[in-house]
Amino acid sequence: MRRSLYRDAHQASPTEIAAWARGHWIIENTVHWTKDVTFAEDASQIRHHHTPAVVSVLRNLARATLHRSGWANIASGRRAHTHPTTALTLHGIP
């Protein structure tokens, strides 16, 4: 029988619980915060059919592309690539 790497919450040490909490906030502070502040996702007025999900995927694609291109500050990367031709250079298209 294989042992699980995870234990029930009542079996976890305070150190493990703190690590789980920090892990959650890393995601919140990087992805969610960037999408809300840089891309204003919470203020979006898009509400028709599947459009909110599609636009969210496009925001994720833009964030990931800038990140993989070496931009540590997604907001400044976004400002630097507002023209279509500069945005295409992120994908290796001259």
C-alpha atoms as a PDB file:
ATOM      1  CA  MET A   1       0.000   0.000   0.000  1.00  0.00           C
ATOM      2  CA  ARG A   2       1.338   3.405  -0.975  1.00  0.00           C
ATOM      3  CA  ARG A   3       1.494   6.139   1.677  1.00  0.00           C
ATOM      4  CA  SER A   4       0.080   9.533   0.812  1.00  0.00           C
ATOM      5  CA  LEU A   5       2.310  12.602   0.953  1.00  0.00           C
ATOM      6  CA  TYR A   6      -0.596  14.550   2.403  1.00  0.00           C
ATOM      7  CA  ARG A   7      -2.109  14.217   5.830  1.00  0.00           C
ATOM      8  CA  ASP A   8      -5.361  15.362   7.364  1.00  0.00           C
ATOM      9  CA  ALA A   9      -5.337  18.894   8.778  1.00  0.00           C
ATOM     10  CA  HIS A  10      -5.504  17.670  12.374  1.00  0.00           C
ATOM     11  CA  GLN A  11      -2.290  15.677  11.791  1.00  0.00           C
ATOM     12  CA  ALA A  12      -0.331  18.605  10.344  1.00  0.00           C
ATOM     13  CA  SER A  13       2.257  20.523  12.297  1.00  0.00           C
ATOM     14  CA  PRO A  14       2.051  24.321  12.634  1.00  0.00           C
ATOM     15  CA  THR A  15       5.005  24.583  10.242  1.00  0.00           C
ATOM     16  CA  GLU A  16       3.158  22.585   7.560  1.00  0.00           C
ATOM     17  CA  ILE A  17      -0.009  24.650   7.975  1.00  0.00           C
ATOM     18  CA  ALA A  18       2.010  27.874   7.658  1.00  0.00           C
ATOM     19  CA  ALA A  19       3.654  26.537   4.480  1.00  0.00           C
ATOM     20  CA  TRP A  20       0.236  25.710   2.972  1.00  0.00           C
ATOM     21  CA  ALA A  21      -1.049  29.199   3.789  1.00  0.00           C
ATOM     22  CA  ARG A  22       2.037  30.861   2.263  1.00  0.00           C
ATOM     23  CA  GLY A  23       1.659  28.724  -0.847  1.00  0.00           C
ATOM     24  CA  HIS A  24      -1.907  29.939  -1.299  1.00  0.00           C
ATOM     25  CA  TRP A  25      -0.929  33.604  -0.928  1.00  0.00           C
ATOM     26  CA  ILE A  26       1.895  33.266  -3.458  1.00  0.00           C
ATOM     27  CA  ILE A  27      -0.715  32.415  -6.092  1.00  0.00           C
ATOM     28  CA  GLU A  28      -3.038  35.185  -4.904  1.00  0.00           C
ATOM     29  CA  ASN A  29      -0.287  37.792  -4.890  1.00  0.00           C
ATOM     30  CA  THR A  30       1.125  36.925  -8.294  1.00  0.00           C
ATOM     31  CA  VAL A  31      -1.568  35.744 -10.677  1.00  0.00           C
ATOM     32  CA  HIS A  32      -4.796  37.107  -9.207  1.00  0.00           C
ATOM     33  CA  TRP A  33      -3.374  40.455  -8.159  1.00  0.00           C
ATOM     34  CA  THR A  34      -1.765  40.974 -11.571  1.00  0.00           C
ATOM     35  CA  LYS A  35      -4.982  40.131 -13.380  1.00  0.00           C
ATOM     36  CA  ASP A  36      -6.993  42.484 -11.187  1.00  0.00           C
ATOM     37  CA  VAL A  37      -4.621  45.461 -11.030  1.00  0.00           C
ATOM     38  CA  THR A  38      -2.788  45.311 -14.363  1.00  0.00           C
ATOM     39  CA  PHE A  39      -5.657  44.022 -16.497  1.00  0.00           C
ATOM     40  CA  ALA A  40      -8.551  45.432 -14.360  1.00  0.00           C
ATOM     41  CA  GLU A  41     -10.359  42.108 -14.464  1.00  0.00           C
ATOM     42  CA  ASP A  42     -12.630  42.856 -11.494  1.00  0.00           C
ATOM     43  CA  ALA A  43     -13.767  46.111 -13.104  1.00  0.00           C
ATOM     44  CA  SER A  44     -14.574  44.439 -16.416  1.00  0.00           C
ATOM     45  CA  GLN A  45     -18.083  45.036 -17.775  1.00  0.00           C
ATOM     46  CA  ILE A  46     -17.961  41.993 -20.061  1.00  0.00           C
ATOM     47  CA  ARG A  47     -20.954  39.839 -19.147  1.00  0.00           C
ATOM     48  CA  HIS A  48     -22.307  38.193 -22.319  1.00  0.00           C
ATOM     49  CA  HIS A  49     -22.314  34.392 -22.796  1.00  0.00           C
ATOM     50  CA  HIS A  50     -18.819  32.854 -22.593  1.00  0.00           C
ATOM     51  CA  THR A  51     -17.032  36.125 -23.301  1.00  0.00           C
ATOM     52  CA  PRO A  52     -15.793  36.686 -19.692  1.00  0.00           C
ATOM     53  CA  ALA A  53     -14.049  33.297 -19.703  1.00  0.00           C
ATOM     54  CA  VAL A  54     -12.546  33.883 -23.154  1.00  0.00           C
ATOM     55  CA  VAL A  55     -11.216  37.323 -22.190  1.00  0.00           C
ATOM     56  CA  SER A  56      -9.816  35.873 -18.966  1.00  0.00           C
ATOM     57  CA  VAL A  57      -7.905  33.280 -20.996  1.00  0.00           C
ATOM     58  CA  LEU A  58      -6.541  36.051 -23.243  1.00  0.00           C
ATOM     59  CA  ARG A  59      -5.396  37.987 -20.164  1.00  0.00           C
ATOM     60  CA  ASN A  60      -3.679  34.851 -18.863  1.00  0.00           C
ATOM     61  CA  LEU A  61      -2.000  34.385 -22.247  1.00  0.00           C
ATOM     62  CA  ALA A  62      -0.753  37.985 -22.243  1.00  0.00           C
ATOM     63  CA  ARG A  63       0.516  37.702 -18.657  1.00  0.00           C
ATOM     64  CA  ALA A  64       2.269  34.394 -19.323  1.00  0.00           C
ATOM     65  CA  THR A  65       3.796  35.646 -22.584  1.00  0.00           C
ATOM     66  CA  LEU A  66       5.240  38.720 -20.897  1.00  0.00           C
ATOM     67  CA  HIS A  67       6.517  36.631 -18.001  1.00  0.00           C
ATOM     68  CA  ARG A  68       8.180  34.071 -20.281  1.00  0.00           C
ATOM     69  CA  SER A  69       9.732  36.890 -22.294  1.00  0.00           C
ATOM     70  CA  GLY A  70      11.559  38.046 -19.200  1.00  0.00           C
ATOM     71  CA  TRP A  71       9.323  40.846 -17.962  1.00  0.00           C
ATOM     72  CA  ALA A  72       9.316  40.780 -14.166  1.00  0.00           C
ATOM     73  CA  ASN A  73       6.948  43.747 -14.093  1.00  0.00           C
ATOM     74  CA  ILE A  74       3.924  42.732 -16.167  1.00  0.00           C
ATOM     75  CA  ALA A  75       2.449  46.256 -16.129  1.00  0.00           C
ATOM     76  CA  SER A  76       5.568  47.800 -17.683  1.00  0.00           C
ATOM     77  CA  GLY A  77       5.771  44.938 -20.192  1.00  0.00           C
ATOM     78  CA  ARG A  78       2.179  45.569 -21.149  1.00  0.00           C
ATOM     79  CA  ARG A  79       2.848  49.299 -21.626  1.00  0.00           C
ATOM     80  CA  ALA A  80       5.910  48.507 -23.758  1.00  0.00           C
ATOM     81  CA  HIS A  81       3.891  46.294 -26.097  1.00  0.00           C
ATOM     82  CA  THR A  82       0.756  48.285 -26.852  1.00  0.00           C
ATOM     83  CA  HIS A  83       1.434  48.574 -30.576  1.00  0.00           C
ATOM     84  CA  PRO A  84       0.571  45.420 -32.572  1.00  0.00           C
ATOM     85  CA  THR A  85       4.021  45.111 -34.146  1.00  0.00           C
ATOM     86  CA  THR A  86       5.803  45.242 -30.786  1.00  0.00           C
ATOM     87  CA  ALA A  87       3.364  42.691 -29.350  1.00  0.00           C
ATOM     88  CA  LEU A  88       4.183  40.267 -32.181  1.00  0.00           C
ATOM     89  CA  THR A  89       7.908  40.404 -31.339  1.00  0.00           C
ATOM     90  CA  LEU A  90       7.111  38.664 -28.030  1.00  0.00           C
ATOM     91  CA  HIS A  91       6.120  35.616 -30.097  1.00  0.00           C
ATOM     92  CA  GLY A  92       9.161  35.781 -32.372  1.00  0.00           C
ATOM     93  CA  ILE A  93       7.242  37.296 -35.259  1.00  0.00           C
ATOM     94  CA  PRO A  94       9.244  40.171 -36.817  1.00  0.00           C
END
